Amino acid sequence: MTTVPVDEGIFTWPAAEPQLIGSRCEACGIVTFPSQSSCPRCASTAMAKHLLPRHGRLWAWTTQEFPPPSPPYAGPTGADFEPFVIGYVVLGDQIKIETRLVDVTPSDLSPGMEMELAVVPFRTDDGGNEIMTFAFRPVA
């Protein structure tokens, strides 16, 4: 079985210590994730690749009881769908991102908890490839 990322250019992988790939506006400094070709703040097209920190702090979380509606994040549906924990993680002073949270239940979590990036299996595609996605988990 071959492993492939959920979307090209969203994280460095394969890598011993993967990082999310965002962008930074060279005009106003805003950081975005995923990377964008123009700035949502000032509309500049001077955007540079920007690797985001691997560690952050949990800001908020909930359980998602329905499958994501569209590719590339659409996964199992119907009887194969299992609810999962999602949250917002603040990465340094740069950005707050929405992400899956793994290796936890909601009762394990607390605001400000230190989290780290993980690359985890997401689903298997029609060709038998294992699709990998990013997630965050508590620092051990």
N, C-alpha and C. Protein backbone atom coordinates (compact mmCIF):
# COMPACT_ATOMS: atom_id res chain seq x y z
N MET A 1 0.85 -1.18 0.00
CA MET A 1 0.00 0.00 0.00
C MET A 1 0.89 1.24 0.00
N THR A 2 0.55 2.20 -0.82
CA THR A 2 1.27 3.47 -0.90
C THR A 2 0.59 4.48 0.01
N THR A 3 1.37 5.31 0.68
CA THR A 3 0.79 6.39 1.48
C THR A 3 0.99 7.70 0.74
N VAL A 4 -0.07 8.52 0.73
CA VAL A 4 -0.03 9.81 0.04
C VAL A 4 -0.69 10.86 0.92
N PRO A 5 -0.26 12.13 0.80
CA PRO A 5 -0.87 13.19 1.60
C PRO A 5 -2.29 13.50 1.13
N VAL A 6 -3.12 13.98 2.03
CA VAL A 6 -4.51 14.32 1.73
C VAL A 6 -4.60 15.39 0.64
N ASP A 7 -3.61 16.26 0.58
CA ASP A 7 -3.56 17.31 -0.43
C ASP A 7 -2.10 17.72 -0.59
N GLU A 8 -1.67 17.93 -1.81
CA GLU A 8 -0.29 18.34 -2.06
C GLU A 8 -0.04 19.74 -1.51
N GLY A 9 1.12 19.92 -0.90
CA GLY A 9 1.52 21.24 -0.45
C GLY A 9 0.89 21.72 0.84
N ILE A 10 0.24 20.82 1.59
CA ILE A 10 -0.39 21.26 2.84
C ILE A 10 0.51 21.03 4.05
N PHE A 11 1.39 20.01 3.95
CA PHE A 11 2.39 19.78 4.99
C PHE A 11 3.61 19.12 4.37
N THR A 12 4.75 19.29 5.06
CA THR A 12 5.98 18.65 4.59
C THR A 12 5.90 17.18 4.97
N TRP A 13 6.00 16.33 3.97
CA TRP A 13 5.86 14.91 4.22
C TRP A 13 6.27 14.15 2.99
N PRO A 14 6.98 13.06 3.08
CA PRO A 14 7.40 12.49 4.36
C PRO A 14 8.54 13.30 4.98
N ALA A 15 8.52 13.40 6.27
CA ALA A 15 9.54 14.13 7.01
C ALA A 15 9.56 13.61 8.44
N ALA A 16 10.74 13.57 9.04
CA ALA A 16 10.86 13.11 10.43
C ALA A 16 10.07 14.03 11.36
N GLU A 17 10.09 15.32 11.07
CA GLU A 17 9.33 16.30 11.86
C GLU A 17 8.54 17.17 10.89
N PRO A 18 7.38 16.69 10.44
CA PRO A 18 6.60 17.44 9.45
C PRO A 18 6.13 18.78 9.98
N GLN A 19 5.91 19.71 9.05
CA GLN A 19 5.37 21.03 9.39
C GLN A 19 4.26 21.37 8.41
N LEU A 20 3.28 22.13 8.88
CA LEU A 20 2.24 22.64 8.00
C LEU A 20 2.84 23.73 7.13
N ILE A 21 2.37 23.81 5.89
CA ILE A 21 2.86 24.82 4.95
C ILE A 21 1.80 25.89 4.79
N GLY A 22 2.12 27.08 5.25
CA GLY A 22 1.24 28.22 5.08
C GLY A 22 1.88 29.23 4.16
N SER A 23 1.38 30.44 4.22
CA SER A 23 1.99 31.52 3.46
C SER A 23 2.00 32.78 4.32
N ARG A 24 2.94 33.66 4.00
CA ARG A 24 3.07 34.93 4.72
C ARG A 24 3.06 36.04 3.68
N CYS A 25 2.22 37.05 3.94
CA CYS A 25 2.14 38.19 3.04
C CYS A 25 3.38 39.06 3.24
N GLU A 26 4.08 39.33 2.15
CA GLU A 26 5.28 40.16 2.24
C GLU A 26 4.94 41.64 2.37
N ALA A 27 3.68 42.00 2.14
CA ALA A 27 3.27 43.40 2.27
C ALA A 27 2.81 43.73 3.69
N CYS A 28 1.96 42.88 4.28
CA CYS A 28 1.41 43.22 5.60
C CYS A 28 1.79 42.24 6.71
N GLY A 29 2.37 41.09 6.35
CA GLY A 29 2.87 40.15 7.34
C GLY A 29 1.89 39.10 7.82
N ILE A 30 0.64 39.13 7.38
CA ILE A 30 -0.33 38.13 7.85
C ILE A 30 0.10 36.74 7.41
N VAL A 31 -0.12 35.75 8.28
CA VAL A 31 0.18 34.36 7.98
C VAL A 31 -1.15 33.65 7.71
N THR A 32 -1.19 32.82 6.66
CA THR A 32 -2.41 32.09 6.32
C THR A 32 -2.13 30.59 6.26
N PHE A 33 -3.16 29.82 6.51
CA PHE A 33 -3.11 28.37 6.33
C PHE A 33 -4.48 27.91 5.91
N PRO A 34 -4.54 27.09 4.84
CA PRO A 34 -3.43 26.70 3.99
C PRO A 34 -2.88 27.89 3.22
N SER A 35 -1.79 27.66 2.49
CA SER A 35 -1.16 28.76 1.76
C SER A 35 -2.13 29.33 0.73
N GLN A 36 -1.97 30.61 0.47
CA GLN A 36 -2.84 31.31 -0.47
C GLN A 36 -1.99 32.12 -1.45
N SER A 37 -2.56 32.40 -2.60
CA SER A 37 -1.82 33.15 -3.62
C SER A 37 -2.01 34.66 -3.48
N SER A 38 -3.02 35.07 -2.70
CA SER A 38 -3.20 36.50 -2.43
C SER A 38 -3.61 36.69 -0.98
N CYS A 39 -3.31 37.85 -0.45
CA CYS A 39 -3.53 38.13 0.97
C CYS A 39 -5.01 38.45 1.25
N PRO A 40 -5.60 37.78 2.25
CA PRO A 40 -6.98 38.08 2.60
C PRO A 40 -7.15 39.42 3.32
N ARG A 41 -6.04 39.98 3.82
CA ARG A 41 -6.11 41.26 4.53
C ARG A 41 -5.91 42.44 3.58
N CYS A 42 -4.85 42.40 2.77
CA CYS A 42 -4.51 43.58 1.95
C CYS A 42 -4.59 43.34 0.44
N ALA A 43 -4.91 42.11 0.03
CA ALA A 43 -5.06 41.72 -1.38
C ALA A 43 -3.75 41.67 -2.16
N SER A 44 -2.62 41.81 -1.49
CA SER A 44 -1.32 41.69 -2.17
C SER A 44 -1.15 40.28 -2.71
N THR A 45 -0.44 40.16 -3.82
CA THR A 45 -0.11 38.84 -4.35
C THR A 45 1.34 38.46 -4.01
N ALA A 46 1.98 39.25 -3.18
CA ALA A 46 3.35 38.96 -2.74
C ALA A 46 3.30 38.03 -1.53
N MET A 47 3.00 36.76 -1.79
CA MET A 47 2.88 35.76 -0.73
C MET A 47 4.07 34.81 -0.82
N ALA A 48 4.66 34.51 0.33
CA ALA A 48 5.81 33.60 0.39
C ALA A 48 5.45 32.36 1.20
N LYS A 49 6.01 31.23 0.82
CA LYS A 49 5.84 29.99 1.58
C LYS A 49 6.31 30.22 3.00
N HIS A 50 5.56 29.68 3.97
CA HIS A 50 5.90 29.89 5.38
C HIS A 50 5.61 28.60 6.15
N LEU A 51 6.63 28.00 6.74
CA LEU A 51 6.44 26.79 7.54
C LEU A 51 5.96 27.18 8.93
N LEU A 52 4.88 26.55 9.37
CA LEU A 52 4.27 26.87 10.66
C LEU A 52 4.92 26.06 11.78
N PRO A 53 4.87 26.57 13.02
CA PRO A 53 5.42 25.83 14.15
C PRO A 53 4.74 24.47 14.32
N ARG A 54 5.48 23.50 14.80
CA ARG A 54 4.95 22.15 15.05
C ARG A 54 4.17 22.06 16.35
N HIS A 55 4.36 23.02 17.24
CA HIS A 55 3.71 23.00 18.55
C HIS A 55 2.82 24.23 18.71
N GLY A 56 1.76 24.06 19.49
CA GLY A 56 0.86 25.16 19.76
C GLY A 56 0.05 24.89 21.02
N ARG A 57 -0.92 25.76 21.25
CA ARG A 57 -1.79 25.65 22.43
C ARG A 57 -3.24 25.50 22.00
N LEU A 58 -3.94 24.59 22.66
CA LEU A 58 -5.35 24.35 22.36
C LEU A 58 -6.18 25.55 22.78
N TRP A 59 -7.02 26.02 21.89
CA TRP A 59 -7.86 27.19 22.16
C TRP A 59 -9.30 26.77 22.44
N ALA A 60 -9.86 25.89 21.61
CA ALA A 60 -11.25 25.43 21.78
C ALA A 60 -11.39 24.09 21.06
N TRP A 61 -12.45 23.33 21.39
CA TRP A 61 -12.65 22.03 20.76
C TRP A 61 -14.12 21.62 20.85
N THR A 62 -14.47 20.63 20.03
CA THR A 62 -15.80 20.04 20.03
C THR A 62 -15.70 18.68 19.34
N THR A 63 -16.81 17.95 19.34
CA THR A 63 -16.87 16.70 18.60
C THR A 63 -17.66 16.93 17.33
N GLN A 64 -17.11 16.53 16.19
CA GLN A 64 -17.81 16.67 14.92
C GLN A 64 -18.61 15.40 14.68
N GLU A 65 -19.93 15.56 14.61
CA GLU A 65 -20.84 14.43 14.51
C GLU A 65 -21.27 14.13 13.07
N PHE A 66 -20.70 14.84 12.09
CA PHE A 66 -21.08 14.63 10.69
C PHE A 66 -19.82 14.60 9.83
N PRO A 67 -19.86 13.91 8.70
CA PRO A 67 -18.68 13.85 7.84
C PRO A 67 -18.42 15.17 7.14
N PRO A 68 -17.14 15.53 6.94
CA PRO A 68 -16.83 16.71 6.15
C PRO A 68 -17.46 16.58 4.76
N PRO A 69 -17.99 17.68 4.21
CA PRO A 69 -18.78 17.60 2.99
C PRO A 69 -18.02 17.53 1.67
N SER A 70 -16.73 17.87 1.65
CA SER A 70 -16.10 17.95 0.33
C SER A 70 -14.63 17.54 0.36
N PRO A 71 -14.13 17.13 -0.81
CA PRO A 71 -12.71 16.79 -0.93
C PRO A 71 -11.85 18.02 -0.64
N PRO A 72 -10.62 17.88 -0.20
CA PRO A 72 -9.97 16.59 0.00
C PRO A 72 -10.24 15.99 1.37
N TYR A 73 -11.05 16.66 2.19
CA TYR A 73 -11.23 16.21 3.57
C TYR A 73 -12.44 15.32 3.77
N ALA A 74 -13.17 15.01 2.70
CA ALA A 74 -14.30 14.10 2.81
C ALA A 74 -13.77 12.71 3.11
N GLY A 75 -14.33 12.08 4.12
CA GLY A 75 -13.88 10.75 4.51
C GLY A 75 -15.04 9.78 4.48
N PRO A 76 -14.98 8.79 5.35
CA PRO A 76 -16.05 7.79 5.39
C PRO A 76 -17.41 8.43 5.67
N THR A 77 -18.45 7.83 5.11
CA THR A 77 -19.82 8.31 5.32
C THR A 77 -20.70 7.15 5.77
N GLY A 78 -21.95 7.45 6.08
CA GLY A 78 -22.90 6.41 6.46
C GLY A 78 -22.44 5.63 7.67
N ALA A 79 -22.60 4.31 7.61
CA ALA A 79 -22.24 3.45 8.74
C ALA A 79 -20.75 3.44 9.02
N ASP A 80 -19.92 3.85 8.04
CA ASP A 80 -18.47 3.86 8.23
C ASP A 80 -17.97 5.12 8.94
N PHE A 81 -18.82 6.14 9.04
CA PHE A 81 -18.40 7.39 9.67
C PHE A 81 -18.34 7.24 11.19
N GLU A 82 -17.27 7.78 11.78
CA GLU A 82 -17.14 7.83 13.24
C GLU A 82 -16.89 9.28 13.64
N PRO A 83 -17.68 9.81 14.59
CA PRO A 83 -17.44 11.18 15.06
C PRO A 83 -15.99 11.34 15.53
N PHE A 84 -15.48 12.56 15.43
CA PHE A 84 -14.10 12.81 15.82
C PHE A 84 -14.00 14.17 16.49
N VAL A 85 -12.91 14.35 17.23
CA VAL A 85 -12.68 15.60 17.96
C VAL A 85 -11.94 16.56 17.03
N ILE A 86 -12.43 17.80 16.98
CA ILE A 86 -11.76 18.86 16.24
C ILE A 86 -11.53 20.02 17.19
N GLY A 87 -10.59 20.87 16.85
CA GLY A 87 -10.32 22.02 17.70
C GLY A 87 -9.55 23.09 16.96
N TYR A 88 -9.36 24.18 17.66
CA TYR A 88 -8.51 25.27 17.18
C TYR A 88 -7.24 25.25 17.99
N VAL A 89 -6.11 25.27 17.30
CA VAL A 89 -4.80 25.30 17.94
C VAL A 89 -4.11 26.59 17.51
N VAL A 90 -3.59 27.33 18.49
CA VAL A 90 -2.86 28.57 18.23
C VAL A 90 -1.39 28.20 18.08
N LEU A 91 -0.82 28.55 16.93
CA LEU A 91 0.58 28.23 16.63
C LEU A 91 1.41 29.49 16.82
N GLY A 92 2.15 29.54 17.92
CA GLY A 92 2.95 30.72 18.24
C GLY A 92 2.06 31.94 18.33
N ASP A 93 2.55 33.05 17.83
CA ASP A 93 1.72 34.26 17.79
C ASP A 93 1.29 34.53 16.35
N GLN A 94 1.34 33.47 15.52
CA GLN A 94 1.13 33.64 14.09
C GLN A 94 -0.29 33.39 13.62
N ILE A 95 -0.90 32.30 14.08
CA ILE A 95 -2.16 31.88 13.45
C ILE A 95 -2.89 30.88 14.34
N LYS A 96 -4.19 30.83 14.17
CA LYS A 96 -5.05 29.85 14.84
C LYS A 96 -5.63 28.97 13.73
N ILE A 97 -5.44 27.65 13.84
CA ILE A 97 -5.92 26.76 12.78
C ILE A 97 -6.95 25.77 13.32
N GLU A 98 -7.87 25.37 12.45
CA GLU A 98 -8.82 24.31 12.77
C GLU A 98 -8.19 22.98 12.37
N THR A 99 -8.30 21.98 13.24
CA THR A 99 -7.61 20.71 13.00
C THR A 99 -8.31 19.57 13.72
N ARG A 100 -8.09 18.37 13.22
CA ARG A 100 -8.50 17.18 13.98
C ARG A 100 -7.60 17.07 15.20
N LEU A 101 -8.16 16.54 16.27
CA LEU A 101 -7.38 16.25 17.48
C LEU A 101 -7.41 14.75 17.66
N VAL A 102 -6.25 14.14 17.84
CA VAL A 102 -6.15 12.69 17.93
C VAL A 102 -5.54 12.27 19.26
N ASP A 103 -5.75 11.00 19.59
CA ASP A 103 -5.23 10.40 20.82
C ASP A 103 -5.83 11.04 22.06
N VAL A 104 -7.07 11.55 21.95
CA VAL A 104 -7.75 12.20 23.08
C VAL A 104 -9.26 11.96 23.00
N THR A 105 -9.91 12.17 24.13
CA THR A 105 -11.36 12.33 24.18
C THR A 105 -11.60 13.75 24.64
N PRO A 106 -12.78 14.31 24.41
CA PRO A 106 -13.03 15.69 24.84
C PRO A 106 -12.75 15.92 26.33
N SER A 107 -13.02 14.92 27.16
CA SER A 107 -12.80 15.10 28.60
C SER A 107 -11.32 15.17 28.97
N ASP A 108 -10.43 14.77 28.06
CA ASP A 108 -8.97 14.84 28.30
C ASP A 108 -8.43 16.25 28.08
N LEU A 109 -9.20 17.11 27.43
CA LEU A 109 -8.69 18.39 26.94
C LEU A 109 -8.93 19.53 27.91
N SER A 110 -8.06 20.54 27.84
CA SER A 110 -8.24 21.77 28.62
C SER A 110 -7.66 22.94 27.84
N PRO A 111 -8.25 24.13 28.02
CA PRO A 111 -7.74 25.30 27.30
C PRO A 111 -6.26 25.53 27.62
N GLY A 112 -5.49 25.86 26.60
CA GLY A 112 -4.08 26.14 26.78
C GLY A 112 -3.19 24.91 26.76
N MET A 113 -3.78 23.73 26.65
CA MET A 113 -3.00 22.49 26.62
C MET A 113 -2.01 22.54 25.46
N GLU A 114 -0.77 22.10 25.72
CA GLU A 114 0.23 22.09 24.66
C GLU A 114 -0.05 20.94 23.69
N MET A 115 -0.02 21.25 22.40
CA MET A 115 -0.33 20.28 21.35
C MET A 115 0.83 20.21 20.37
N GLU A 116 0.95 19.06 19.68
CA GLU A 116 1.98 18.91 18.66
C GLU A 116 1.39 18.31 17.39
N LEU A 117 1.99 18.67 16.27
CA LEU A 117 1.56 18.20 14.96
C LEU A 117 1.85 16.71 14.80
N ALA A 118 0.90 16.01 14.18
CA ALA A 118 1.07 14.60 13.84
C ALA A 118 0.54 14.39 12.43
N VAL A 119 1.12 13.45 11.71
CA VAL A 119 0.58 13.03 10.42
C VAL A 119 -0.01 11.65 10.66
N VAL A 120 -1.31 11.50 10.37
CA VAL A 120 -2.05 10.28 10.73
C VAL A 120 -2.84 9.74 9.53
N PRO A 121 -3.13 8.44 9.53
CA PRO A 121 -3.98 7.88 8.48
C PRO A 121 -5.37 8.50 8.53
N PHE A 122 -5.94 8.78 7.35
CA PHE A 122 -7.26 9.40 7.25
C PHE A 122 -8.28 8.45 6.63
N ARG A 123 -7.93 7.90 5.48
CA ARG A 123 -8.82 6.98 4.77
C ARG A 123 -8.01 6.24 3.71
N THR A 124 -8.66 5.31 3.04
CA THR A 124 -8.06 4.61 1.90
C THR A 124 -8.83 5.01 0.65
N ASP A 125 -8.11 5.39 -0.40
CA ASP A 125 -8.80 5.81 -1.63
C ASP A 125 -9.16 4.60 -2.49
N ASP A 126 -9.83 4.85 -3.61
CA ASP A 126 -10.29 3.77 -4.49
C ASP A 126 -9.14 2.96 -5.08
N GLY A 127 -7.96 3.54 -5.15
CA GLY A 127 -6.79 2.83 -5.67
C GLY A 127 -6.04 2.04 -4.61
N GLY A 128 -6.54 2.04 -3.37
CA GLY A 128 -5.89 1.32 -2.29
C GLY A 128 -4.79 2.09 -1.59
N ASN A 129 -4.63 3.38 -1.92
CA ASN A 129 -3.62 4.21 -1.26
C ASN A 129 -4.12 4.65 0.11
N GLU A 130 -3.23 4.66 1.09
CA GLU A 130 -3.58 5.18 2.41
C GLU A 130 -3.36 6.69 2.38
N ILE A 131 -4.43 7.43 2.62
CA ILE A 131 -4.38 8.89 2.60
C ILE A 131 -4.02 9.38 3.99
N MET A 132 -2.97 10.21 4.07
CA MET A 132 -2.49 10.74 5.35
C MET A 132 -2.93 12.20 5.49
N THR A 133 -3.29 12.59 6.70
CA THR A 133 -3.67 13.97 6.96
C THR A 133 -2.93 14.48 8.19
N PHE A 134 -3.05 15.78 8.42
CA PHE A 134 -2.44 16.37 9.61
C PHE A 134 -3.47 16.38 10.73
N ALA A 135 -2.97 16.37 11.94
CA ALA A 135 -3.80 16.47 13.14
C ALA A 135 -2.88 16.97 14.25
N PHE A 136 -3.47 17.30 15.37
CA PHE A 136 -2.67 17.66 16.55
C PHE A 136 -3.05 16.75 17.69
N ARG A 137 -2.09 16.48 18.56
CA ARG A 137 -2.31 15.66 19.74
C ARG A 137 -1.61 16.30 20.92
N PRO A 138 -2.04 15.97 22.15
CA PRO A 138 -1.36 16.53 23.31
C PRO A 138 0.10 16.11 23.35
N VAL A 139 0.94 17.01 23.82
CA VAL A 139 2.35 16.69 24.00
C VAL A 139 2.46 15.71 25.15
N ALA A 140 3.20 14.64 24.93
CA ALA A 140 3.33 13.59 25.96
C ALA A 140 4.22 14.04 27.09
